[in-house]
């Protein structure tokens, strides 16, 4: 990790979270773990409101909307390679891009069907009129301005207008910025998920709290149990 990245983490997440992240990276060759809070929001009842300090425009793009130009624009923000952007569009995902004074400053991805991986071969179950918000990113220079809240509100409004009734999302408990937005929106935690991958034996431990893991996620071994070979 370079010095600039370390300072950014220290600024936004604090010394304790940075320490935990450092320990996780040190142990990465042996075991790697995640803990997420899973949010299940009924947008037919209420759409979260933005809290930006400036006027931010949010535009939603589908895979067939000037794909090449979009790939270049998204990858130019510095977080994703164009090939990865292409893979997400090929899966049928949409993207919301936030513009501040005509400059793209962040984005949020939207998955409309099952098949999106949370981690370690564990995949979301997405039902009719549901969507998963994921991969939110804001340029470091524009963080703290409420850009993410505008993306979140814009996506929810767009989906609600098109008949969607529910959005799903996951937030790492180590991501204090995103957790604070969830608290601001009075979002209810539907499930907490812990997963750990033991590298040497290629074994994954999965555990959920508040709700059964299989109510929202599936993985290859479980899928095989539902579709046995004949």
Protein backbone atom coordinates (compact mmCIF):
# COMPACT_ATOMS: atom_id res chain seq x y z
CA UNK A 1 0.00 0.00 0.00
CA UNK A 2 1.41 3.40 -1.00
CA UNK A 3 1.62 6.32 1.42
CA UNK A 4 -1.21 8.23 -0.24
CA UNK A 5 -3.59 5.29 0.07
CA UNK A 6 -2.60 4.81 3.72
CA UNK A 7 -3.30 8.46 4.53
CA UNK A 8 -6.66 8.25 2.78
CA UNK A 9 -7.67 5.19 4.82
CA UNK A 10 -6.49 6.81 8.03
CA UNK A 11 -8.47 9.96 7.30
CA UNK A 12 -11.77 8.27 6.49
CA UNK A 13 -11.73 5.14 8.63
CA UNK A 14 -9.58 5.98 11.64
CA UNK A 15 -6.58 4.22 13.25
CA UNK A 16 -8.49 1.23 14.68
CA UNK A 17 -10.05 0.22 11.34
CA UNK A 18 -6.72 0.75 9.57
CA UNK A 19 -5.07 -1.54 12.13
CA UNK A 20 -7.67 -4.28 11.56
CA UNK A 21 -7.27 -3.96 7.78
CA UNK A 22 -3.48 -4.22 8.14
CA UNK A 23 -3.77 -7.39 10.23
CA UNK A 24 -6.12 -8.91 7.66
CA UNK A 25 -3.63 -8.19 4.87
CA UNK A 26 -0.77 -9.72 6.86
CA UNK A 27 -2.78 -12.92 7.34
CA UNK A 28 -3.99 -12.97 3.73
CA UNK A 29 -1.60 -15.76 2.56
CA UNK A 30 -3.14 -18.06 5.20
CA UNK A 31 -6.72 -16.89 5.71
CA UNK A 32 -8.82 -14.00 4.46
CA UNK A 33 -12.15 -12.88 5.87
CA UNK A 34 -15.05 -10.49 5.37
CA UNK A 35 -17.96 -9.33 7.51
CA UNK A 36 -20.89 -7.60 5.80
CA UNK A 37 -24.16 -6.13 6.91
CA UNK A 38 -26.84 -6.96 4.34
CA UNK A 39 -29.51 -4.33 3.74
CA UNK A 40 -32.93 -5.14 2.28
CA UNK A 41 -34.86 -1.94 1.47
CA UNK A 42 -38.48 -1.65 0.39
CA UNK A 43 -38.27 1.27 -2.05
CA UNK A 44 -42.00 1.09 -2.79
CA UNK A 45 -42.54 2.64 0.65
CA UNK A 46 -39.73 5.19 0.83
CA UNK A 47 -36.87 6.34 -1.39
CA UNK A 48 -33.74 7.57 0.46
CA UNK A 49 -33.11 11.30 0.05
CA UNK A 50 -29.71 12.73 -0.99
CA UNK A 51 -27.65 14.88 1.33
CA UNK A 52 -25.14 16.45 -1.07
CA UNK A 53 -23.78 19.94 -0.50
CA UNK A 54 -23.78 20.71 -4.25
CA UNK A 55 -26.10 19.87 -7.14
CA UNK A 56 -25.21 16.39 -8.37
CA UNK A 57 -26.75 14.82 -11.45
CA UNK A 58 -27.14 11.04 -11.59
CA UNK A 59 -27.56 9.27 -14.93
CA UNK A 60 -28.37 5.58 -15.32
CA UNK A 61 -26.93 3.62 -18.24
CA UNK A 62 -27.85 0.19 -19.57
CA UNK A 63 -25.36 -2.08 -21.40
CA UNK A 64 -26.48 -0.93 -24.85
CA UNK A 65 -25.97 2.79 -24.16
CA UNK A 66 -22.77 3.71 -26.04
CA UNK A 67 -20.88 0.81 -24.49
CA UNK A 68 -17.39 1.69 -25.70
CA UNK A 69 -17.63 5.32 -24.58
CA UNK A 70 -18.97 4.23 -21.19
CA UNK A 71 -16.17 1.70 -20.69
CA UNK A 72 -13.57 4.39 -21.33
CA UNK A 73 -15.33 6.94 -19.13
CA UNK A 74 -15.73 4.56 -16.20
CA UNK A 75 -12.21 3.13 -16.39
CA UNK A 76 -10.79 6.69 -16.58
CA UNK A 77 -11.94 7.21 -12.98
CA UNK A 78 -9.13 4.84 -12.01
CA UNK A 79 -10.94 2.07 -10.12
CA UNK A 80 -11.86 -0.51 -12.79
CA UNK A 81 -10.20 -1.79 -15.96
CA UNK A 82 -12.23 -1.49 -19.16
CA UNK A 83 -12.34 -5.30 -19.43
CA UNK A 84 -14.04 -5.59 -16.03
CA UNK A 85 -16.54 -2.91 -17.01
CA UNK A 86 -17.27 -4.93 -20.14
CA UNK A 87 -17.83 -8.10 -18.12
CA UNK A 88 -20.36 -6.36 -15.91
CA UNK A 89 -22.25 -4.97 -18.89
CA UNK A 90 -22.17 -8.41 -20.53
CA UNK A 91 -23.91 -9.80 -17.43
CA UNK A 92 -26.69 -7.25 -17.98
CA UNK A 93 -25.83 -4.90 -15.12
CA UNK A 94 -26.64 -1.18 -15.22
CA UNK A 95 -24.50 1.66 -13.90
CA UNK A 96 -25.36 5.00 -12.30
CA UNK A 97 -22.80 7.76 -12.82
CA UNK A 98 -22.72 10.92 -10.71
CA UNK A 99 -21.76 14.21 -12.37
CA UNK A 100 -20.70 17.36 -10.55
CA UNK A 101 -20.51 20.34 -12.91
CA UNK A 102 -20.50 17.90 -15.87
CA UNK A 103 -17.52 16.00 -14.44
CA UNK A 104 -18.01 12.30 -13.62
CA UNK A 105 -17.07 11.90 -9.96
CA UNK A 106 -18.44 8.49 -8.97
CA UNK A 107 -20.65 5.56 -9.85
CA UNK A 108 -22.76 2.72 -8.49
CA UNK A 109 -23.50 -0.62 -10.19
CA UNK A 110 -26.91 -2.31 -10.33
CA UNK A 111 -27.40 -6.07 -10.78
CA UNK A 112 -30.87 -7.10 -11.91
CA UNK A 113 -30.56 -10.88 -11.73
CA UNK A 114 -28.91 -13.65 -9.72
CA UNK A 115 -25.28 -14.47 -10.43
CA UNK A 116 -23.49 -11.53 -8.80
CA UNK A 117 -20.72 -12.83 -6.52
CA UNK A 118 -20.44 -11.46 -3.01
CA UNK A 119 -17.14 -13.29 -2.38
CA UNK A 120 -15.58 -16.77 -2.26
CA UNK A 121 -18.00 -18.35 -4.72
CA UNK A 122 -21.07 -17.10 -2.85
CA UNK A 123 -23.72 -15.55 -5.08
CA UNK A 124 -26.72 -13.28 -4.55
CA UNK A 125 -30.23 -14.60 -5.07
CA UNK A 126 -32.18 -11.83 -6.82
CA UNK A 127 -35.91 -12.29 -7.27
CA UNK A 128 -38.47 -10.57 -9.48
CA UNK A 129 -38.61 -6.75 -9.09
CA UNK A 130 -35.43 -6.74 -6.96
CA UNK A 131 -32.00 -5.27 -7.69
CA UNK A 132 -28.61 -5.35 -5.97
CA UNK A 133 -26.66 -2.10 -5.55
CA UNK A 134 -22.93 -2.77 -5.49
CA UNK A 135 -19.48 -1.49 -6.42
CA UNK A 136 -20.07 2.11 -5.35
CA UNK A 137 -17.05 4.37 -5.89
CA UNK A 138 -16.40 8.11 -5.47
CA UNK A 139 -13.19 9.85 -6.49
CA UNK A 140 -11.12 10.60 -3.35
CA UNK A 141 -11.11 14.36 -4.02
CA UNK A 142 -14.93 14.42 -3.92
CA UNK A 143 -15.58 12.28 -0.87
CA UNK A 144 -17.39 13.84 2.04
CA UNK A 145 -19.68 15.86 -0.28
CA UNK A 146 -22.64 13.48 -0.21
CA UNK A 147 -21.98 12.05 -3.70
CA UNK A 148 -22.69 8.49 -2.56
CA UNK A 149 -26.03 9.54 -1.08
CA UNK A 150 -27.00 11.07 -4.45
CA UNK A 151 -26.09 7.86 -6.25
CA UNK A 152 -28.09 5.83 -3.76
CA UNK A 153 -31.14 8.10 -4.02
CA UNK A 154 -30.92 8.34 -7.81
CA UNK A 155 -30.73 4.57 -8.24
CA UNK A 156 -33.63 3.90 -5.87
CA UNK A 157 -35.81 6.52 -7.57
CA UNK A 158 -35.01 5.15 -11.04
CA UNK A 159 -35.79 1.58 -10.01
CA UNK A 160 -38.99 2.55 -8.19
CA UNK A 161 -40.28 4.36 -11.29
CA UNK A 162 -39.76 1.15 -13.27
CA UNK A 163 -41.70 -1.11 -10.93
CA UNK A 164 -38.94 -2.45 -8.73
CA UNK A 165 -39.95 -2.80 -5.10
CA UNK A 166 -36.76 -3.84 -3.32
CA UNK A 167 -33.05 -3.06 -3.33
CA UNK A 168 -30.35 -5.19 -1.74
CA UNK A 169 -26.84 -4.20 -0.78
CA UNK A 170 -23.89 -5.28 1.31
CA UNK A 171 -21.64 -3.01 3.37
CA UNK A 172 -18.45 -4.14 5.04
CA UNK A 173 -18.51 -3.37 8.74
CA UNK A 174 -15.01 -1.94 8.20
CA UNK A 175 -16.37 0.64 5.74
CA UNK A 176 -17.36 3.32 8.22
CA UNK A 177 -18.30 5.85 5.51
CA UNK A 178 -20.92 3.62 3.89
CA UNK A 179 -22.17 2.45 7.29
CA UNK A 180 -22.77 6.06 8.30
CA UNK A 181 -24.93 6.58 5.18
CA UNK A 182 -26.99 3.51 6.10
CA UNK A 183 -27.50 4.94 9.57
CA UNK A 184 -28.49 8.31 8.08
CA UNK A 185 -31.17 6.56 5.99
CA UNK A 186 -32.36 4.53 9.00
CA UNK A 187 -31.69 1.40 6.96
CA UNK A 188 -32.49 -1.88 8.66
CA UNK A 189 -29.89 -4.65 8.71
CA UNK A 190 -31.55 -7.79 7.35
CA UNK A 191 -28.56 -10.07 7.84
CA UNK A 192 -24.91 -10.04 8.89
CA UNK A 193 -22.61 -12.37 6.96
CA UNK A 194 -19.19 -13.64 8.00
CA UNK A 195 -17.02 -15.52 5.51
CA UNK A 196 -13.45 -16.76 5.74
CA UNK A 197 -11.34 -18.56 3.16
CA UNK A 198 -8.52 -20.82 4.41
CA UNK A 199 -6.04 -20.65 1.55
CA UNK A 200 -3.95 -23.80 1.94
CA UNK A 201 -6.90 -26.19 1.99
CA UNK A 202 -9.16 -24.02 -0.21
CA UNK A 203 -11.97 -24.18 2.35
CA UNK A 204 -14.61 -21.51 2.93
CA UNK A 205 -16.50 -20.96 6.17
CA UNK A 206 -19.85 -19.17 5.85
CA UNK A 207 -22.03 -17.97 8.71
CA UNK A 208 -24.98 -15.60 8.85
CA UNK A 209 -26.79 -13.88 11.71
CA UNK A 210 -30.35 -12.49 11.90
CA UNK A 211 -31.51 -14.59 8.91
CA UNK A 212 -30.57 -17.84 7.15
CA UNK A 213 -27.73 -17.39 4.66
CA UNK A 214 -29.53 -19.47 2.03
CA UNK A 215 -32.44 -17.02 2.02
CA UNK A 216 -30.30 -14.58 0.03
CA UNK A 217 -27.22 -16.45 -1.17
CA UNK A 218 -26.24 -19.66 -2.90
CA UNK A 219 -22.93 -21.39 -3.62
CA UNK A 220 -21.88 -24.31 -5.88
CA UNK A 221 -22.17 -27.12 -3.31
CA UNK A 222 -25.62 -25.93 -2.30
CA UNK A 223 -26.73 -25.50 -5.92
CA UNK A 224 -25.64 -29.07 -6.66
CA UNK A 225 -27.81 -30.30 -3.81
CA UNK A 226 -30.86 -28.75 -5.46
CA UNK A 227 -29.92 -30.09 -8.92
CA UNK A 228 -28.45 -33.59 -8.42
CA UNK A 229 -26.94 -35.36 -11.37
CA UNK A 230 -29.08 -38.03 -12.99
